[in-house]
């Protein structure tokens, strides 16, 4: 999923610099418009309704906070990052009153912009998950719906497809979740990273096939998603403590 961004700043150099940083370091984001004052920015954001607006705090005519206030009154749901070369408390206090939680000081540091934008993306994802999935459940289930249910759905999908080459990126695309957010959420809810969990599922199925069938080791490897039998045997031995052939004999 691409996240759309509109830039608003009265300095062309700042806008050009932000474009470069976003293109180079935030490939999941796309700049879809820019404006050089708050008045123009207001019209642009209202028309395009981007996920994120990065705006200067002080501009000619309408400043960044005035623009945000007008957009909020219009019901625009964009998230805002405020840029400022000023450390004045009144500006920050007004921004907080408007619900703005993200501030960057000029000159802009690339890593700070990355971190700030990623936080907003995670926030958008959480809101999207709650909003979309609540609509899929009947009213009695709405209140009990949590992020844990997302992981339950993913675990169910993995249980039925562990023999395929399913990466975390594949799951990210299938379930419309940001990759970094999914990685963090999966670890939070299961106590394992995704690869550890997938390997565990595969090894449990391997045990069943070793004791319940006469399939050869390379056939079992293929059944649980491994094309290389040697690598498969090493993974099994590392996790179970013995080779697949030894495990089969011990269970006889």
Protein backbone atom coordinates (compact mmCIF):
# COMPACT_ATOMS: atom_id res chain seq x y z
CA UNK A 1 0.00 0.00 0.00
CA UNK A 2 1.29 3.46 -0.90
CA UNK A 3 0.81 6.35 1.51
CA UNK A 4 0.14 9.71 -0.09
CA UNK A 5 1.80 12.92 1.06
CA UNK A 6 1.20 16.61 0.37
CA UNK A 7 3.97 19.12 1.14
CA UNK A 8 3.24 22.71 2.16
CA UNK A 9 6.12 25.16 2.63
CA UNK A 10 6.89 28.63 1.33
CA UNK A 11 10.52 27.66 0.62
CA UNK A 12 10.97 25.80 -2.66
CA UNK A 13 14.28 24.39 -1.45
CA UNK A 14 12.56 22.72 1.51
CA UNK A 15 9.92 21.12 -0.70
CA UNK A 16 12.52 19.90 -3.19
CA UNK A 17 14.62 18.48 -0.36
CA UNK A 18 11.64 16.68 1.16
CA UNK A 19 10.80 15.15 -2.20
CA UNK A 20 14.31 13.72 -2.46
CA UNK A 21 14.27 12.32 1.08
CA UNK A 22 10.84 10.75 0.65
CA UNK A 23 11.70 9.23 -2.72
CA UNK A 24 14.99 7.83 -1.43
CA UNK A 25 14.15 6.72 2.11
CA UNK A 26 10.38 6.24 2.18
CA UNK A 27 9.55 4.11 -0.88
CA UNK A 28 6.15 3.24 0.56
CA UNK A 29 5.19 6.92 0.33
CA UNK A 30 4.34 9.10 -2.67
CA UNK A 31 4.27 12.89 -2.87
CA UNK A 32 1.08 13.68 -4.80
CA UNK A 33 1.10 17.46 -4.47
CA UNK A 34 2.78 20.51 -2.97
CA UNK A 35 1.90 24.11 -2.20
CA UNK A 36 3.84 27.23 -1.24
CA UNK A 37 1.36 28.79 1.21
CA UNK A 38 -1.36 27.73 3.62
CA UNK A 39 -4.20 29.01 1.47
CA UNK A 40 -3.11 27.00 -1.54
CA UNK A 41 -2.28 24.09 0.74
CA UNK A 42 -5.78 24.11 2.21
CA UNK A 43 -7.39 23.79 -1.21
CA UNK A 44 -4.93 21.12 -2.31
CA UNK A 45 -5.31 18.96 0.80
CA UNK A 46 -9.09 19.30 0.77
CA UNK A 47 -9.14 18.12 -2.85
CA UNK A 48 -6.57 15.32 -2.64
CA UNK A 49 -7.13 14.20 0.98
CA UNK A 50 -3.69 12.60 1.40
CA UNK A 51 -2.73 10.29 4.23
CA UNK A 52 -0.07 12.71 5.48
CA UNK A 53 0.49 16.47 5.22
CA UNK A 54 3.94 17.88 5.99
CA UNK A 55 3.63 21.61 6.53
CA UNK A 56 5.72 24.56 7.60
CA UNK A 57 4.39 26.40 10.64
CA UNK A 58 5.04 29.95 9.44
CA UNK A 59 4.08 31.02 5.94
CA UNK A 60 2.75 34.11 4.22
CA UNK A 61 -1.01 34.70 4.23
CA UNK A 62 -2.31 31.54 5.97
CA UNK A 63 0.21 29.77 8.24
CA UNK A 64 0.42 26.03 8.83
CA UNK A 65 -1.66 25.96 12.01
CA UNK A 66 -4.42 28.08 10.50
CA UNK A 67 -4.49 25.74 7.52
CA UNK A 68 -4.73 22.69 9.81
CA UNK A 69 -7.52 24.28 11.80
CA UNK A 70 -9.53 24.98 8.65
CA UNK A 71 -8.95 21.43 7.38
CA UNK A 72 -10.05 19.94 10.70
CA UNK A 73 -13.28 21.93 10.48
CA UNK A 74 -13.80 20.46 7.01
CA UNK A 75 -13.49 16.97 8.48
CA UNK A 76 -10.25 16.11 6.65
CA UNK A 77 -8.70 13.03 8.27
CA UNK A 78 -5.10 13.57 7.09
CA UNK A 79 -2.28 13.25 9.63
CA UNK A 80 -0.02 16.27 10.04
CA UNK A 81 3.70 16.75 10.54
CA UNK A 82 4.67 20.32 11.43
CA UNK A 83 8.00 21.77 10.36
CA UNK A 84 9.40 24.74 12.21
CA UNK A 85 12.57 26.70 12.69
CA UNK A 86 10.93 28.28 15.72
CA UNK A 87 10.79 26.87 19.24
CA UNK A 88 7.93 29.03 20.46
CA UNK A 89 5.66 27.37 22.99
CA UNK A 90 2.50 29.08 21.77
CA UNK A 91 2.82 27.42 18.38
CA UNK A 92 3.33 23.99 19.93
CA UNK A 93 0.43 24.53 22.32
CA UNK A 94 -1.93 25.48 19.50
CA UNK A 95 -0.75 22.50 17.48
CA UNK A 96 -1.47 20.16 20.41
CA UNK A 97 -4.91 21.72 20.76
CA UNK A 98 -5.52 20.82 17.11
CA UNK A 99 -4.43 17.25 17.74
CA UNK A 100 -1.03 17.49 16.01
CA UNK A 101 1.52 15.22 17.68
CA UNK A 102 4.38 15.26 15.20
CA UNK A 103 6.93 18.08 14.99
CA UNK A 104 10.24 18.33 13.15
CA UNK A 105 12.73 21.17 13.49
CA UNK A 106 14.51 22.66 10.53
CA UNK A 107 16.97 21.73 9.15
CA UNK A 108 15.23 18.39 8.68
CA UNK A 109 17.15 15.24 9.56
CA UNK A 110 16.49 12.29 7.27
CA UNK A 111 16.28 9.71 10.07
CA UNK A 112 13.87 11.88 12.07
CA UNK A 113 11.56 12.26 9.09
CA UNK A 114 11.68 8.51 8.48
CA UNK A 115 10.89 7.71 12.10
CA UNK A 116 8.12 10.29 12.32
CA UNK A 117 6.49 9.14 9.07
CA UNK A 118 6.68 5.48 10.10
CA UNK A 119 4.92 6.27 13.37
CA UNK A 120 2.10 7.90 11.43
CA UNK A 121 1.90 4.94 9.02
CA UNK A 122 1.60 2.57 11.99
CA UNK A 123 -1.13 4.78 13.40
CA UNK A 124 -3.00 4.79 10.08
CA UNK A 125 -2.74 1.00 9.86
CA UNK A 126 -4.14 0.50 13.34
CA UNK A 127 -7.05 2.82 12.60
CA UNK A 128 -7.68 1.10 9.26
CA UNK A 129 -7.65 -2.35 10.84
CA UNK A 130 -10.10 -1.33 13.53
CA UNK A 131 -12.37 0.46 11.07
CA UNK A 132 -12.43 -2.13 8.28
CA UNK A 133 -12.66 -5.27 10.34
CA UNK A 134 -15.29 -3.96 12.68
CA UNK A 135 -17.56 -3.53 9.67
CA UNK A 136 -17.12 -7.19 8.76
CA UNK A 137 -18.47 -8.44 12.08
CA UNK A 138 -22.05 -8.30 13.37
CA UNK A 139 -22.67 -5.78 16.18
CA UNK A 140 -22.22 -8.24 19.11
CA UNK A 141 -18.67 -8.98 17.99
CA UNK A 142 -17.55 -5.41 17.48
CA UNK A 143 -16.66 -4.57 21.05
CA UNK A 144 -14.54 -7.68 21.50
CA UNK A 145 -12.55 -7.22 18.31
CA UNK A 146 -8.82 -6.58 18.90
CA UNK A 147 -5.58 -6.67 16.99
CA UNK A 148 -5.16 -10.21 18.27
CA UNK A 149 -7.90 -11.29 15.85
CA UNK A 150 -5.73 -10.15 12.95
CA UNK A 151 -2.95 -12.45 14.11
CA UNK A 152 -5.47 -15.28 14.56
CA UNK A 153 -6.49 -14.88 10.92
CA UNK A 154 -2.86 -14.86 9.82
CA UNK A 155 -2.06 -17.97 11.87
CA UNK A 156 -5.04 -19.73 10.33
CA UNK A 157 -3.82 -18.81 6.86
CA UNK A 158 -0.30 -20.06 7.65
CA UNK A 159 -1.70 -23.33 9.02
CA UNK A 160 -3.32 -23.97 5.63
CA UNK A 161 -0.43 -22.78 3.48
CA UNK A 162 2.79 -23.53 5.37
CA UNK A 163 3.95 -25.75 2.51
CA UNK A 164 4.18 -22.70 0.27
CA UNK A 165 6.90 -20.05 0.20
CA UNK A 166 5.05 -17.46 2.29
CA UNK A 167 7.14 -14.51 3.36
CA UNK A 168 6.12 -11.83 5.82
CA UNK A 169 5.95 -9.45 2.85
CA UNK A 170 3.41 -11.79 1.22
CA UNK A 171 1.27 -11.67 4.35
CA UNK A 172 1.66 -7.91 4.48
CA UNK A 173 0.21 -7.61 0.98
CA UNK A 174 -2.51 -10.21 1.51
CA UNK A 175 -3.80 -8.67 4.72
CA UNK A 176 -3.16 -5.04 3.69
CA UNK A 177 -0.84 -4.35 6.61
CA UNK A 178 2.33 -2.30 6.72
CA UNK A 179 5.28 -4.70 6.77
CA UNK A 180 7.04 -3.19 9.80
CA UNK A 181 3.80 -2.88 11.70
CA UNK A 182 2.89 -6.52 10.98
CA UNK A 183 6.32 -7.70 12.12
CA UNK A 184 6.02 -5.83 15.42
CA UNK A 185 2.41 -6.89 15.98
CA UNK A 186 3.15 -10.56 15.26
CA UNK A 187 6.02 -10.61 17.77
CA UNK A 188 3.90 -8.77 20.33
CA UNK A 189 0.97 -11.19 20.07
CA UNK A 190 2.81 -14.52 19.65
CA UNK A 191 6.13 -13.99 21.39
CA UNK A 192 7.89 -15.18 18.22
CA UNK A 193 8.97 -13.54 15.03
CA UNK A 194 7.18 -14.74 11.92
CA UNK A 195 9.96 -17.01 10.64
CA UNK A 196 10.23 -18.74 14.02
CA UNK A 197 6.49 -19.35 14.04
CA UNK A 198 6.40 -20.66 10.44
CA UNK A 199 9.31 -23.01 11.15
CA UNK A 200 7.58 -24.31 14.27
CA UNK A 201 4.40 -25.06 12.32
CA UNK A 202 6.40 -26.87 9.66
CA UNK A 203 8.31 -28.95 12.20
CA UNK A 204 5.13 -30.01 14.02
CA UNK A 205 3.70 -31.20 10.73
CA UNK A 206 6.99 -32.95 9.99
CA UNK A 207 6.70 -34.94 13.21
CA UNK A 208 3.22 -36.06 12.20
CA UNK A 209 4.41 -37.17 8.77
CA UNK A 210 7.45 -38.97 10.19
CA UNK A 211 5.34 -41.05 12.57
CA UNK A 212 2.16 -41.39 10.56
CA UNK A 213 3.44 -42.09 7.04
CA UNK A 214 6.14 -43.99 5.17
CA UNK A 215 7.11 -40.96 3.09
CA UNK A 216 10.79 -40.53 2.39
CA UNK A 217 12.60 -37.63 4.07
CA UNK A 218 12.89 -35.60 0.86
CA UNK A 219 9.16 -36.11 0.23
CA UNK A 220 8.31 -34.87 3.72
CA UNK A 221 10.60 -31.89 3.19
CA UNK A 222 8.64 -30.95 0.08
CA UNK A 223 5.33 -31.48 1.87
CA UNK A 224 6.25 -28.91 4.53
CA UNK A 225 7.74 -26.28 2.24
CA UNK A 226 11.44 -27.15 1.89
CA UNK A 227 13.00 -27.75 -1.53
CA UNK A 228 16.40 -28.61 -0.05
CA UNK A 229 16.25 -31.86 2.02
CA UNK A 230 19.66 -31.21 3.56
CA UNK A 231 18.65 -27.78 4.83
CA UNK A 232 15.35 -29.27 6.01
CA UNK A 233 17.15 -31.94 8.05
CA UNK A 234 19.46 -29.37 9.63
CA UNK A 235 16.54 -27.18 10.66
CA UNK A 236 14.72 -30.18 12.14
CA UNK A 237 17.78 -31.32 14.08
CA UNK A 238 18.42 -27.83 15.42
CA UNK A 239 14.89 -27.48 16.74
CA UNK A 240 14.04 -31.06 17.76
CA UNK A 241 17.47 -32.28 18.84
CA UNK A 242 17.82 -35.23 16.48
CA UNK A 243 17.74 -35.98 12.76
CA UNK A 244 14.41 -36.80 11.07
CA UNK A 245 15.41 -40.44 10.57
CA UNK A 246 16.38 -40.74 14.24
CA UNK A 247 13.09 -39.17 15.35
CA UNK A 248 11.14 -41.66 13.20
CA UNK A 249 12.99 -44.63 14.72
CA UNK A 250 12.50 -43.33 18.28
CA UNK A 251 8.75 -43.09 17.79
CA UNK A 252 8.36 -46.62 16.46
